[in-house]
Amino acid sequence: MLRKAFVTSLLAAVMALSSAATAQAQITQSVNLGLGWFMVRGEDSRGDNDVLVEDLQSLAFEIKDFNGPLVNGEWLIGFGDRIEVGFGVGFYQKTIPSVYADFVDSDGSEIEQDLKLRIVPVTATVKFLPIGRAGDFQPYVGGGVALLNWKYSEVGEFVDFSDASIFRDSYVASGNTVAPIVFGGVRLPLNGDVFAFNGELRWQGGKGDTSDTGLLGDEIDLGGFSVIGSFQIRF
């Protein structure tokens, strides 16, 4: 169902930009290769049933520990100087260590776990560049839709509070989530109209279903902000 919705949105974007192409004589293509930093949504912006919020009741970690690097690639089709459609893929993954905040093993050692989140967004976007042209300074804004392929896991030692026993286990949830994305940035020319640098701030939404997995919460918020710097090659 989610994949069908993503494909429908993707086709709608392509059709809209095909109409724009009829009004623009010049069609160009470019490739963006970028690195960035993903900042997950903070505790105060998450639902009470979020798995990370639930984990904070017993484990010692901070949600901001999940902030981490990402890589991103994008193929852009430009229609004149004002509109670009993009198709991209990114990769983010972060593993953080945690321990029980108020419990230790009988020998005094910590009860340890690894919490791991991975998100692979496949995106379709529309970008508007209100001023300038290729080879000039150009601010831009845009939005689109992303299919977030995600996986969250907790691996290590856990406490059974019914009898205070300690056991090793792993809990894993994964899936695909369709989410909105909104972004804005600036494009700086590096060598005429062929090479450019893009600095971008991007927001994504989306939640994943973690119910029936043994995890403490029934959902995980996949949203947050990304700061991305990318190198663009136009041809």
Protein backbone atom coordinates (compact mmCIF):
# COMPACT_ATOMS: atom_id res chain seq x y z
CA MET A 1 0.00 0.00 0.00
CA LEU A 2 2.78 2.42 0.94
CA ARG A 3 4.77 1.57 -2.16
CA LYS A 4 1.69 2.12 -4.34
CA ALA A 5 1.17 5.55 -2.79
CA PHE A 6 4.83 6.42 -3.36
CA VAL A 7 4.70 5.39 -7.02
CA THR A 8 1.48 7.37 -7.52
CA SER A 9 3.07 10.49 -6.03
CA LEU A 10 6.18 9.95 -8.15
CA LEU A 11 4.15 9.72 -11.35
CA ALA A 12 2.20 12.84 -10.41
CA ALA A 13 5.45 14.77 -10.01
CA VAL A 14 6.73 13.57 -13.37
CA MET A 15 3.47 14.53 -15.11
CA ALA A 16 3.47 17.99 -13.56
CA LEU A 17 7.00 18.64 -14.68
CA SER A 18 6.34 17.26 -18.14
CA SER A 19 3.75 20.00 -18.50
CA ALA A 20 6.36 22.53 -17.41
CA ALA A 21 8.73 21.17 -20.03
CA THR A 22 6.39 22.15 -22.81
CA ALA A 23 6.75 25.76 -21.72
CA GLN A 24 10.53 25.60 -21.42
CA ALA A 25 12.77 25.02 -24.41
CA GLN A 26 15.91 24.13 -22.44
CA ILE A 27 16.10 20.79 -20.63
CA THR A 28 19.28 20.00 -18.68
CA GLN A 29 20.47 17.21 -16.41
CA SER A 30 22.82 17.13 -13.44
CA VAL A 31 24.05 14.85 -10.69
CA ASN A 32 24.41 15.79 -7.01
CA LEU A 33 26.70 13.90 -4.63
CA GLY A 34 26.41 15.03 -1.03
CA LEU A 35 27.38 14.54 2.59
CA GLY A 36 25.41 15.81 5.54
CA TRP A 37 24.23 15.50 9.11
CA PHE A 38 20.85 14.09 10.15
CA MET A 39 19.26 15.44 13.36
CA VAL A 40 16.43 13.26 14.67
CA ARG A 41 13.30 14.77 16.14
CA GLY A 42 13.78 15.65 19.83
CA GLU A 43 12.03 14.07 22.80
CA ASP A 44 9.54 16.92 23.24
CA SER A 45 8.36 16.50 19.61
CA ARG A 46 7.79 12.74 19.81
CA GLY A 47 4.62 10.91 20.79
CA ASP A 48 4.26 9.23 24.16
CA ASN A 49 4.18 5.83 22.45
CA ASP A 50 7.46 6.39 20.61
CA VAL A 51 9.91 3.56 21.29
CA LEU A 52 12.79 5.91 22.13
CA VAL A 53 10.65 7.90 24.58
CA GLU A 54 9.59 4.64 26.23
CA ASP A 55 13.22 3.47 26.42
CA LEU A 56 14.20 6.65 28.26
CA GLN A 57 12.14 5.45 31.23
CA SER A 58 14.72 2.72 31.95
CA LEU A 59 17.81 3.19 29.75
CA ALA A 60 20.56 5.81 30.03
CA PHE A 61 21.02 7.56 26.67
CA GLU A 62 19.95 10.76 24.94
CA ILE A 63 17.84 10.93 21.80
CA LYS A 64 20.29 13.43 20.30
CA ASP A 65 22.87 10.63 20.39
CA PHE A 66 21.16 9.37 17.23
CA ASN A 67 22.21 12.50 15.32
CA GLY A 68 24.76 11.41 12.74
CA PRO A 69 26.24 11.58 9.23
CA LEU A 70 24.43 10.76 6.03
CA VAL A 71 25.27 10.40 2.37
CA ASN A 72 23.00 11.45 -0.46
CA GLY A 73 22.90 11.21 -4.24
CA GLU A 74 20.44 12.81 -6.64
CA TRP A 75 19.71 12.98 -10.36
CA LEU A 76 18.17 16.30 -11.43
CA ILE A 77 16.29 17.24 -14.59
CA GLY A 78 16.01 20.98 -15.14
CA PHE A 79 13.28 22.66 -17.18
CA GLY A 80 14.62 26.09 -18.04
CA ASP A 81 16.12 28.17 -15.23
CA ARG A 82 13.31 27.86 -12.68
CA ILE A 83 12.20 24.25 -12.16
CA GLU A 84 14.04 21.00 -11.44
CA VAL A 85 12.70 17.55 -10.69
CA GLY A 86 14.95 15.26 -8.68
CA PHE A 87 15.17 11.55 -7.96
CA GLY A 88 17.51 10.60 -5.14
CA VAL A 89 18.60 8.07 -2.56
CA GLY A 90 20.33 8.57 0.79
CA PHE A 91 21.76 6.51 3.63
CA TYR A 92 21.86 7.16 7.38
CA GLN A 93 22.81 4.72 10.13
CA LYS A 94 23.73 5.23 13.77
CA THR A 95 24.40 2.80 16.63
CA ILE A 96 24.56 4.10 20.19
CA PRO A 97 25.43 2.22 23.41
CA SER A 98 23.08 2.32 26.39
CA VAL A 99 22.80 0.82 29.87
CA TYR A 100 20.04 0.50 32.45
CA ALA A 101 19.92 3.72 34.41
CA ASP A 102 18.93 2.23 37.79
CA PHE A 103 20.01 -1.42 37.61
CA VAL A 104 23.32 -3.27 37.47
CA ASP A 105 24.25 -6.95 37.35
CA SER A 106 24.91 -8.90 40.57
CA ASP A 107 28.66 -8.37 40.12
CA GLY A 108 28.18 -4.60 39.78
CA SER A 109 28.71 -4.50 36.02
CA GLU A 110 26.46 -2.48 33.72
CA ILE A 111 23.61 -4.12 31.80
CA GLU A 112 24.45 -3.03 28.25
CA GLN A 113 22.61 -2.76 24.95
CA ASP A 114 23.23 -1.35 21.47
CA LEU A 115 20.42 0.73 19.93
CA LYS A 116 20.64 1.03 16.15
CA LEU A 117 18.62 3.07 13.64
CA ARG A 118 18.98 2.92 9.85
CA ILE A 119 17.05 5.00 7.29
CA VAL A 120 17.40 4.78 3.51
CA PRO A 121 15.22 7.46 1.85
CA VAL A 122 14.30 7.16 -1.82
CA THR A 123 13.00 10.58 -2.89
CA ALA A 124 11.13 12.37 -5.66
CA THR A 125 11.26 16.17 -5.44
CA VAL A 126 10.33 19.37 -7.21
CA LYS A 127 12.64 22.37 -6.81
CA PHE A 128 11.89 26.04 -7.60
CA LEU A 129 14.75 28.49 -8.27
CA PRO A 130 13.16 31.96 -8.27
CA ILE A 131 16.15 34.02 -9.44
CA GLY A 132 19.34 33.62 -11.44
CA ARG A 133 20.33 30.93 -13.89
CA ALA A 134 22.98 28.21 -14.23
CA GLY A 135 26.35 29.71 -13.37
CA ASP A 136 24.81 32.29 -10.99
CA PHE A 137 24.11 32.36 -7.27
CA GLN A 138 20.66 30.75 -6.91
CA PRO A 139 18.54 30.29 -3.78
CA TYR A 140 15.90 27.55 -4.02
CA VAL A 141 12.99 25.92 -2.21
CA GLY A 142 11.18 22.68 -2.84
CA GLY A 143 9.38 19.64 -1.56
CA GLY A 144 8.39 16.14 -2.43
CA VAL A 145 7.82 12.65 -1.14
CA ALA A 146 10.17 10.00 0.25
CA LEU A 147 9.90 6.26 0.66
CA LEU A 148 11.80 5.61 3.90
CA ASN A 149 13.21 2.11 4.14
CA TRP A 150 14.05 1.81 7.85
CA LYS A 151 15.22 -0.61 10.50
CA TYR A 152 15.49 -0.20 14.28
CA SER A 153 17.02 -2.76 16.65
CA GLU A 154 17.97 -3.24 20.28
CA VAL A 155 20.58 -5.93 20.95
CA GLY A 156 22.21 -6.90 24.24
CA GLU A 157 21.20 -7.60 27.84
CA PHE A 158 17.76 -6.88 29.27
CA VAL A 159 16.01 -7.14 32.65
CA ASP A 160 12.88 -9.19 33.23
CA PHE A 161 11.24 -7.10 35.96
CA SER A 162 8.88 -9.93 36.94
CA ASP A 163 11.75 -11.84 38.56
CA ALA A 164 14.73 -9.43 38.19
CA SER A 165 16.54 -11.89 35.89
CA ILE A 166 18.94 -10.71 33.19
CA PHE A 167 18.87 -12.22 29.69
CA ARG A 168 20.37 -11.62 26.26
CA ASP A 169 18.09 -10.95 23.31
CA SER A 170 17.52 -8.84 20.21
CA TYR A 171 14.43 -6.89 19.19
CA VAL A 172 14.08 -5.71 15.58
CA ALA A 173 11.49 -3.68 13.67
CA SER A 174 11.68 -2.65 10.02
CA GLY A 175 9.49 -1.43 7.20
CA ASN A 176 8.80 1.14 4.51
CA THR A 177 7.14 4.49 5.27
CA VAL A 178 5.97 7.17 2.86
CA ALA A 179 6.83 10.63 4.22
CA PRO A 180 6.80 14.27 3.09
CA ILE A 181 10.00 16.27 2.64
CA VAL A 182 10.51 20.05 2.44
CA PHE A 183 13.81 21.83 1.78
CA GLY A 184 15.53 25.08 0.99
CA GLY A 185 19.06 26.04 0.09
CA VAL A 186 21.50 27.96 -2.07
CA ARG A 187 23.54 27.01 -5.13
CA LEU A 188 27.01 28.53 -5.56
CA PRO A 189 28.78 28.26 -8.94
CA LEU A 190 32.30 26.80 -8.89
CA ASN A 191 33.28 26.83 -12.56
CA GLY A 192 30.85 28.49 -14.92
CA ASP A 193 27.59 26.56 -15.32
CA VAL A 194 29.10 23.05 -15.08
CA PHE A 195 30.11 22.68 -11.42
CA ALA A 196 28.34 24.04 -8.36
CA PHE A 197 28.07 23.59 -4.60
CA ASN A 198 24.65 23.23 -2.95
CA GLY A 199 24.04 23.98 0.74
CA GLU A 200 20.65 22.68 1.87
CA LEU A 201 18.44 22.36 4.96
CA ARG A 202 15.92 19.52 4.62
CA TRP A 203 13.03 18.34 6.80
CA GLN A 204 11.43 14.92 6.59
CA GLY A 205 8.43 13.43 8.38
CA GLY A 206 7.36 9.83 8.79
CA LYS A 207 6.76 7.22 11.50
CA GLY A 208 7.43 3.51 11.57
CA ASP A 209 5.32 0.77 13.14
CA THR A 210 7.18 -1.10 15.90
CA SER A 211 4.18 -2.92 17.43
CA ASP A 212 4.28 -6.71 17.92
CA THR A 213 8.09 -6.76 17.98
CA GLY A 214 8.77 -6.88 21.72
CA LEU A 215 9.94 -3.26 21.74
CA LEU A 216 8.50 -1.01 24.44
CA GLY A 217 6.78 1.47 22.06
CA ASP A 218 4.42 0.87 19.16
CA GLU A 219 6.01 3.43 16.81
CA ILE A 220 9.25 5.19 16.02
CA ASP A 221 9.43 8.75 14.72
CA LEU A 222 11.67 8.85 11.64
CA GLY A 223 11.43 12.59 11.15
CA GLY A 224 14.05 15.26 11.58
CA PHE A 225 16.24 17.84 9.88
CA SER A 226 19.24 17.29 7.62
CA VAL A 227 21.99 19.73 6.70
CA ILE A 228 23.48 18.64 3.36
CA GLY A 229 26.37 19.94 1.32
CA SER A 230 26.58 18.54 -2.21
CA PHE A 231 28.77 18.81 -5.29
CA GLN A 232 26.82 19.21 -8.51
CA ILE A 233 27.91 18.30 -12.04
CA ARG A 234 25.72 19.67 -14.82
CA PHE A 235 25.66 18.21 -18.33
